[in-house]
């Protein structure tokens, strides 16, 4: 009698194949794409990451990457919990799938919301190519920054408070302050807020970022604007 030896991996594949075929071949399976569920999440530097609360922006965007940089409709509100001194971080918001129109009067967005005080301020001395010289580097459509202070504290070199990269449309900034140092070109360009398809300074086709809405915001510092 001929016998067949299966490795554990082969056996698992054979079992899955048998289950997937089902009785009479009538059963079928589909695997849903990973995505971060819509709802309210928190950045809370006072507590460890757990559930819908993340200790840092880095932890949140790591979780988003684990879920394929995808968010289910109608999007996520990310509330920033006050902590003394705010948040000393820089981060990139990658291109996120799942955001955009979700009905005649609905837009699925990633909304990052502070309380307008120094305790929800996002600040960093960003002057290197990491996160494209920015404190907040936006590469996705349908992003809202609400009631935030975002400051690049670098004293030299190219730097941005917020940079919206090419192809990122439908940005909304509201009730926020964007800050960088005042300087001349000799020490490197500085911008409190800019759109660009370049790296060290704004360049290229300005239509690469369309449909912006900015209301009740302050732009403080920078070589331009």
C-alpha atoms as a PDB file:
ATOM      1  CA  UNK A   1       0.000   0.000   0.000  1.00  0.00           C
ATOM      2  CA  UNK A   2       1.377   3.374  -1.027  1.00  0.00           C
ATOM      3  CA  UNK A   3       1.423   6.044   1.650  1.00  0.00           C
ATOM      4  CA  UNK A   4       1.824   9.825   1.305  1.00  0.00           C
ATOM      5  CA  UNK A   5       3.681  11.919   3.824  1.00  0.00           C
ATOM      6  CA  UNK A   6       2.404  15.489   4.331  1.00  0.00           C
ATOM      7  CA  UNK A   7       4.324  18.349   5.899  1.00  0.00           C
ATOM      8  CA  UNK A   8       2.321  20.548   8.254  1.00  0.00           C
ATOM      9  CA  UNK A   9       2.139  23.286   5.596  1.00  0.00           C
ATOM     10  CA  UNK A  10       0.942  20.825   2.936  1.00  0.00           C
ATOM     11  CA  UNK A  11      -1.623  19.397   5.306  1.00  0.00           C
ATOM     12  CA  UNK A  12      -3.020  22.815   6.135  1.00  0.00           C
ATOM     13  CA  UNK A  13      -3.324  23.640   2.439  1.00  0.00           C
ATOM     14  CA  UNK A  14      -5.069  20.344   1.714  1.00  0.00           C
ATOM     15  CA  UNK A  15      -7.515  20.841   4.605  1.00  0.00           C
ATOM     16  CA  UNK A  16      -8.281  24.422   3.529  1.00  0.00           C
ATOM     17  CA  UNK A  17      -8.817  23.250  -0.038  1.00  0.00           C
ATOM     18  CA  UNK A  18     -11.242  20.560   1.127  1.00  0.00           C
ATOM     19  CA  UNK A  19     -13.183  22.976   3.328  1.00  0.00           C
ATOM     20  CA  UNK A  20     -13.262  25.638   0.615  1.00  0.00           C
ATOM     21  CA  UNK A  21     -14.655  23.175  -1.915  1.00  0.00           C
ATOM     22  CA  UNK A  22     -17.311  22.059   0.565  1.00  0.00           C
ATOM     23  CA  UNK A  23     -19.835  19.344   0.067  1.00  0.00           C
ATOM     24  CA  UNK A  24     -20.582  18.985  -3.612  1.00  0.00           C
ATOM     25  CA  UNK A  25     -18.399  22.042  -4.371  1.00  0.00           C
ATOM     26  CA  UNK A  26     -21.192  24.435  -3.336  1.00  0.00           C
ATOM     27  CA  UNK A  27     -19.322  26.447  -0.700  1.00  0.00           C
ATOM     28  CA  UNK A  28     -17.077  29.429  -1.449  1.00  0.00           C
ATOM     29  CA  UNK A  29     -15.052  31.855   0.618  1.00  0.00           C
ATOM     30  CA  UNK A  30     -14.009  35.468   0.170  1.00  0.00           C
ATOM     31  CA  UNK A  31     -11.366  37.344   2.164  1.00  0.00           C
ATOM     32  CA  UNK A  32     -12.110  40.980   3.034  1.00  0.00           C
ATOM     33  CA  UNK A  33      -9.383  43.553   2.506  1.00  0.00           C
ATOM     34  CA  UNK A  34      -7.852  44.856   5.714  1.00  0.00           C
ATOM     35  CA  UNK A  35      -8.919  48.335   6.793  1.00  0.00           C
ATOM     36  CA  UNK A  36      -9.105  50.380   9.968  1.00  0.00           C
ATOM     37  CA  UNK A  37     -12.715  50.626  11.120  1.00  0.00           C
ATOM     38  CA  UNK A  38     -14.392  54.023  10.979  1.00  0.00           C
ATOM     39  CA  UNK A  39     -15.139  55.826  14.241  1.00  0.00           C
ATOM     40  CA  UNK A  40     -13.429  57.911  16.903  1.00  0.00           C
ATOM     41  CA  UNK A  41      -9.839  57.245  17.933  1.00  0.00           C
ATOM     42  CA  UNK A  42      -7.486  59.026  20.316  1.00  0.00           C
ATOM     43  CA  UNK A  43      -3.866  60.093  20.526  1.00  0.00           C
ATOM     44  CA  UNK A  44      -3.179  59.993  24.256  1.00  0.00           C
ATOM     45  CA  UNK A  45       0.417  60.438  25.339  1.00  0.00           C
ATOM     46  CA  UNK A  46      -0.611  59.867  28.943  1.00  0.00           C
ATOM     47  CA  UNK A  47      -1.586  56.213  28.427  1.00  0.00           C
ATOM     48  CA  UNK A  48      -0.154  53.163  26.636  1.00  0.00           C
ATOM     49  CA  UNK A  49      -1.594  52.112  23.302  1.00  0.00           C
ATOM     50  CA  UNK A  50      -4.692  49.943  23.595  1.00  0.00           C
ATOM     51  CA  UNK A  51      -8.111  49.596  21.984  1.00  0.00           C
ATOM     52  CA  UNK A  52      -8.943  52.752  20.041  1.00  0.00           C
ATOM     53  CA  UNK A  53      -6.297  54.835  21.890  1.00  0.00           C
ATOM     54  CA  UNK A  54      -2.716  55.313  20.696  1.00  0.00           C
ATOM     55  CA  UNK A  55       0.125  56.741  22.735  1.00  0.00           C
ATOM     56  CA  UNK A  56       1.639  58.534  19.749  1.00  0.00           C
ATOM     57  CA  UNK A  57       0.938  59.488  16.156  1.00  0.00           C
ATOM     58  CA  UNK A  58       3.639  57.005  15.174  1.00  0.00           C
ATOM     59  CA  UNK A  59       1.653  54.208  16.847  1.00  0.00           C
ATOM     60  CA  UNK A  60      -1.566  55.221  15.075  1.00  0.00           C
ATOM     61  CA  UNK A  61       0.008  55.370  11.624  1.00  0.00           C
ATOM     62  CA  UNK A  62       1.757  52.065  12.256  1.00  0.00           C
ATOM     63  CA  UNK A  63      -1.662  50.513  12.945  1.00  0.00           C
ATOM     64  CA  UNK A  64      -3.014  52.150   9.805  1.00  0.00           C
ATOM     65  CA  UNK A  65      -0.162  50.656   7.764  1.00  0.00           C
ATOM     66  CA  UNK A  66      -0.900  47.232   9.255  1.00  0.00           C
ATOM     67  CA  UNK A  67      -4.436  47.661   7.908  1.00  0.00           C
ATOM     68  CA  UNK A  68      -3.268  48.418   4.401  1.00  0.00           C
ATOM     69  CA  UNK A  69      -3.427  52.223   4.815  1.00  0.00           C
ATOM     70  CA  UNK A  70      -7.181  51.886   4.393  1.00  0.00           C
ATOM     71  CA  UNK A  71     -10.078  53.336   6.400  1.00  0.00           C
ATOM     72  CA  UNK A  72     -13.713  52.310   6.146  1.00  0.00           C
ATOM     73  CA  UNK A  73     -16.435  54.856   5.408  1.00  0.00           C
ATOM     74  CA  UNK A  74     -17.377  57.366   6.763  1.00  0.00           C
ATOM     75  CA  UNK A  75     -13.840  57.888   8.036  1.00  0.00           C
ATOM     76  CA  UNK A  76     -12.052  58.517  11.320  1.00  0.00           C
ATOM     77  CA  UNK A  77     -11.915  61.355  13.809  1.00  0.00           C
ATOM     78  CA  UNK A  78      -8.596  61.283  15.650  1.00  0.00           C
ATOM     79  CA  UNK A  79      -8.890  63.334  18.831  1.00  0.00           C
ATOM     80  CA  UNK A  80      -5.649  64.573  20.383  1.00  0.00           C
ATOM     81  CA  UNK A  81      -5.784  64.320  24.189  1.00  0.00           C
ATOM     82  CA  UNK A  82      -3.999  67.208  25.954  1.00  0.00           C
ATOM     83  CA  UNK A  83      -0.676  66.475  27.613  1.00  0.00           C
ATOM     84  CA  UNK A  84       1.763  68.943  29.118  1.00  0.00           C
ATOM     85  CA  UNK A  85       4.016  70.305  26.387  1.00  0.00           C
ATOM     86  CA  UNK A  86       2.050  68.779  23.546  1.00  0.00           C
ATOM     87  CA  UNK A  87       3.472  66.141  21.192  1.00  0.00           C
ATOM     88  CA  UNK A  88       7.094  66.237  20.038  1.00  0.00           C
ATOM     89  CA  UNK A  89       6.624  64.230  16.837  1.00  0.00           C
ATOM     90  CA  UNK A  90       6.745  64.393  13.073  1.00  0.00           C
ATOM     91  CA  UNK A  91       4.819  62.068  10.781  1.00  0.00           C
ATOM     92  CA  UNK A  92       3.602  61.419   7.256  1.00  0.00           C
ATOM     93  CA  UNK A  93      -0.050  60.846   6.435  1.00  0.00           C
ATOM     94  CA  UNK A  94       0.238  58.339   3.554  1.00  0.00           C
ATOM     95  CA  UNK A  95      -2.187  57.958   0.691  1.00  0.00           C
ATOM     96  CA  UNK A  96      -5.246  56.395   2.368  1.00  0.00           C
ATOM     97  CA  UNK A  97      -7.813  54.348   0.494  1.00  0.00           C
ATOM     98  CA  UNK A  98     -11.464  54.510   1.507  1.00  0.00           C
ATOM     99  CA  UNK A  99     -11.578  58.293   1.922  1.00  0.00           C
ATOM    100  CA  UNK A 100     -13.690  60.473  -0.355  1.00  0.00           C
ATOM    101  CA  UNK A 101     -17.359  60.972  -1.291  1.00  0.00           C
ATOM    102  CA  UNK A 102     -19.633  58.466   0.443  1.00  0.00           C
ATOM    103  CA  UNK A 103     -22.991  59.937  -0.587  1.00  0.00           C
ATOM    104  CA  UNK A 104     -24.544  63.118  -1.908  1.00  0.00           C
ATOM    105  CA  UNK A 105     -23.753  65.052   1.300  1.00  0.00           C
ATOM    106  CA  UNK A 106     -21.075  62.836   2.854  1.00  0.00           C
ATOM    107  CA  UNK A 107     -17.288  62.804   2.708  1.00  0.00           C
ATOM    108  CA  UNK A 108     -15.210  60.138   4.395  1.00  0.00           C
ATOM    109  CA  UNK A 109     -12.263  61.952   5.978  1.00  0.00           C
ATOM    110  CA  UNK A 110      -9.413  61.530   8.396  1.00  0.00           C
ATOM    111  CA  UNK A 111      -9.951  64.382  10.845  1.00  0.00           C
ATOM    112  CA  UNK A 112      -7.159  65.149  13.320  1.00  0.00           C
ATOM    113  CA  UNK A 113      -8.597  67.380  16.044  1.00  0.00           C
ATOM    114  CA  UNK A 114      -6.902  69.142  18.954  1.00  0.00           C
ATOM    115  CA  UNK A 115      -8.238  71.665  21.426  1.00  0.00           C
ATOM    116  CA  UNK A 116      -6.323  74.680  20.111  1.00  0.00           C
ATOM    117  CA  UNK A 117      -3.957  74.872  23.083  1.00  0.00           C
ATOM    118  CA  UNK A 118      -0.259  74.183  23.588  1.00  0.00           C
ATOM    119  CA  UNK A 119      -1.137  70.863  25.221  1.00  0.00           C
ATOM    120  CA  UNK A 120      -2.290  69.399  21.883  1.00  0.00           C
ATOM    121  CA  UNK A 121       0.408  71.163  19.887  1.00  0.00           C
ATOM    122  CA  UNK A 122       2.433  69.048  17.439  1.00  0.00           C
ATOM    123  CA  UNK A 123       6.011  70.291  17.269  1.00  0.00           C
ATOM    124  CA  UNK A 124       9.339  69.022  16.021  1.00  0.00           C
ATOM    125  CA  UNK A 125      12.705  70.360  14.832  1.00  0.00           C
ATOM    126  CA  UNK A 126      12.306  68.925  11.328  1.00  0.00           C
ATOM    127  CA  UNK A 127      15.102  69.882   8.932  1.00  0.00           C
ATOM    128  CA  UNK A 128      16.079  66.610   7.252  1.00  0.00           C
ATOM    129  CA  UNK A 129      14.581  64.515   4.471  1.00  0.00           C
ATOM    130  CA  UNK A 130      12.775  62.379   7.057  1.00  0.00           C
ATOM    131  CA  UNK A 131       9.057  63.051   6.470  1.00  0.00           C
ATOM    132  CA  UNK A 132      10.109  65.464   3.730  1.00  0.00           C
ATOM    133  CA  UNK A 133      11.465  68.203   6.038  1.00  0.00           C
ATOM    134  CA  UNK A 134       8.026  68.539   7.626  1.00  0.00           C
ATOM    135  CA  UNK A 135       6.335  68.188  10.996  1.00  0.00           C
ATOM    136  CA  UNK A 136       3.196  66.917   9.224  1.00  0.00           C
ATOM    137  CA  UNK A 137       3.644  65.650   5.661  1.00  0.00           C
ATOM    138  CA  UNK A 138       0.330  64.990   3.902  1.00  0.00           C
ATOM    139  CA  UNK A 139       0.153  62.607   0.945  1.00  0.00           C
ATOM    140  CA  UNK A 140      -3.566  61.747   1.075  1.00  0.00           C
ATOM    141  CA  UNK A 141      -6.804  63.279  -0.144  1.00  0.00           C
ATOM    142  CA  UNK A 142      -9.566  64.256   2.299  1.00  0.00           C
ATOM    143  CA  UNK A 143      -7.514  65.220   5.347  1.00  0.00           C
ATOM    144  CA  UNK A 144      -8.747  67.731   7.936  1.00  0.00           C
ATOM    145  CA  UNK A 145      -6.587  69.451  10.557  1.00  0.00           C
ATOM    146  CA  UNK A 146      -8.812  71.055  13.172  1.00  0.00           C
ATOM    147  CA  UNK A 147      -7.908  73.194  16.210  1.00  0.00           C
ATOM    148  CA  UNK A 148      -4.208  72.329  16.100  1.00  0.00           C
ATOM    149  CA  UNK A 149      -0.964  74.201  16.535  1.00  0.00           C
ATOM    150  CA  UNK A 150       1.701  72.677  14.287  1.00  0.00           C
ATOM    151  CA  UNK A 151       5.183  74.144  14.618  1.00  0.00           C
ATOM    152  CA  UNK A 152       8.524  73.349  13.052  1.00  0.00           C
ATOM    153  CA  UNK A 153      11.063  74.450  15.665  1.00  0.00           C
ATOM    154  CA  UNK A 154      14.180  73.886  13.519  1.00  0.00           C
ATOM    155  CA  UNK A 155      16.562  76.870  13.573  1.00  0.00           C
ATOM    156  CA  UNK A 156      18.198  76.198  10.183  1.00  0.00           C
ATOM    157  CA  UNK A 157      17.894  74.240   6.975  1.00  0.00           C
ATOM    158  CA  UNK A 158      14.872  73.556   4.791  1.00  0.00           C
ATOM    159  CA  UNK A 159      11.753  72.975   6.854  1.00  0.00           C
ATOM    160  CA  UNK A 160       7.976  73.044   6.812  1.00  0.00           C
ATOM    161  CA  UNK A 161       5.273  73.116   9.430  1.00  0.00           C
ATOM    162  CA  UNK A 162       2.789  71.348   7.156  1.00  0.00           C
ATOM    163  CA  UNK A 163       3.537  70.162   3.651  1.00  0.00           C
ATOM    164  CA  UNK A 164       0.836  68.852   1.336  1.00  0.00           C
ATOM    165  CA  UNK A 165       2.418  66.809  -1.418  1.00  0.00           C
ATOM    166  CA  UNK A 166       1.394  66.439  -5.025  1.00  0.00           C
ATOM    167  CA  UNK A 167      -1.798  64.598  -5.736  1.00  0.00           C
ATOM    168  CA  UNK A 168      -3.309  65.285  -2.291  1.00  0.00           C
ATOM    169  CA  UNK A 169      -6.618  67.063  -2.813  1.00  0.00           C
ATOM    170  CA  UNK A 170      -9.584  68.223  -0.724  1.00  0.00           C
ATOM    171  CA  UNK A 171      -7.526  69.360   2.268  1.00  0.00           C
ATOM    172  CA  UNK A 172      -9.363  71.255   5.020  1.00  0.00           C
ATOM    173  CA  UNK A 173      -7.570  73.326   7.626  1.00  0.00           C
ATOM    174  CA  UNK A 174      -9.691  74.987  10.269  1.00  0.00           C
ATOM    175  CA  UNK A 175      -9.113  76.902  13.519  1.00  0.00           C
ATOM    176  CA  UNK A 176      -5.411  76.021  13.391  1.00  0.00           C
ATOM    177  CA  UNK A 177      -1.994  77.700  13.524  1.00  0.00           C
ATOM    178  CA  UNK A 178       0.923  76.656  11.316  1.00  0.00           C
ATOM    179  CA  UNK A 179       4.346  77.918  12.377  1.00  0.00           C
ATOM    180  CA  UNK A 180       7.985  77.915  11.301  1.00  0.00           C
ATOM    181  CA  UNK A 181      10.937  80.232  11.832  1.00  0.00           C
ATOM    182  CA  UNK A 182      11.409  83.554  10.020  1.00  0.00           C
ATOM    183  CA  UNK A 183      14.479  83.421   7.804  1.00  0.00           C
ATOM    184  CA  UNK A 184      16.224  84.382   4.608  1.00  0.00           C
ATOM    185  CA  UNK A 185      17.200  81.994   1.838  1.00  0.00           C
ATOM    186  CA  UNK A 186      20.845  81.845   2.936  1.00  0.00           C
ATOM    187  CA  UNK A 187      19.959  79.465   5.764  1.00  0.00           C
ATOM    188  CA  UNK A 188      17.481  77.372   3.777  1.00  0.00           C
ATOM    189  CA  UNK A 189      13.860  77.974   2.906  1.00  0.00           C
ATOM    190  CA  UNK A 190      11.314  77.793   5.713  1.00  0.00           C
ATOM    191  CA  UNK A 191       7.531  77.549   5.313  1.00  0.00           C
ATOM    192  CA  UNK A 192       4.751  77.389   7.818  1.00  0.00           C
ATOM    193  CA  UNK A 193       2.496  75.718   5.210  1.00  0.00           C
ATOM    194  CA  UNK A 194       3.145  74.729   1.609  1.00  0.00           C
ATOM    195  CA  UNK A 195       1.993  72.537  -1.248  1.00  0.00           C
ATOM    196  CA  UNK A 196       4.604  71.032  -3.516  1.00  0.00           C
ATOM    197  CA  UNK A 197       5.741  68.220  -5.734  1.00  0.00           C
ATOM    198  CA  UNK A 198       9.328  69.053  -4.819  1.00  0.00           C
ATOM    199  CA  UNK A 199      11.447  68.054  -1.846  1.00  0.00           C
ATOM    200  CA  UNK A 200      13.366  70.944  -0.339  1.00  0.00           C
ATOM    201  CA  UNK A 201      11.193  73.784  -1.605  1.00  0.00           C
ATOM    202  CA  UNK A 202       7.794  74.240  -3.295  1.00  0.00           C
ATOM    203  CA  UNK A 203       8.035  73.532  -7.002  1.00  0.00           C
ATOM    204  CA  UNK A 204       6.198  72.082  -9.945  1.00  0.00           C
ATOM    205  CA  UNK A 205       2.607  72.339 -11.061  1.00  0.00           C
ATOM    206  CA  UNK A 206       0.447  74.031  -8.384  1.00  0.00           C
ATOM    207  CA  UNK A 207      -2.615  72.187  -9.688  1.00  0.00           C
ATOM    208  CA  UNK A 208      -1.157  69.055  -8.112  1.00  0.00           C
ATOM    209  CA  UNK A 209      -3.144  69.942  -4.983  1.00  0.00           C
ATOM    210  CA  UNK A 210      -6.725  71.104  -5.568  1.00  0.00           C
ATOM    211  CA  UNK A 211      -9.919  71.929  -3.694  1.00  0.00           C
ATOM    212  CA  UNK A 212      -8.425  73.271  -0.470  1.00  0.00           C
ATOM    213  CA  UNK A 213     -10.571  74.893   2.199  1.00  0.00           C
ATOM    214  CA  UNK A 214      -8.718  76.883   4.854  1.00  0.00           C
ATOM    215  CA  UNK A 215     -10.712  78.882   7.380  1.00  0.00           C
ATOM    216  CA  UNK A 216      -9.822  80.740  10.554  1.00  0.00           C
ATOM    217  CA  UNK A 217      -6.173  79.684  10.385  1.00  0.00           C
ATOM    218  CA  UNK A 218      -2.921  81.537  11.183  1.00  0.00           C
ATOM    219  CA  UNK A 219       0.289  81.199   9.164  1.00  0.00           C
ATOM    220  CA  UNK A 220       3.199  82.314  11.325  1.00  0.00           C
ATOM    221  CA  UNK A 221       6.779  82.652  10.068  1.00  0.00           C
ATOM    222  CA  UNK A 222       8.467  81.258   7.013  1.00  0.00           C
ATOM    223  CA  UNK A 223      10.502  82.745   4.183  1.00  0.00           C
ATOM    224  CA  UNK A 224       7.385  82.707   2.000  1.00  0.00           C
ATOM    225  CA  UNK A 225       3.775  83.111   3.060  1.00  0.00           C
END
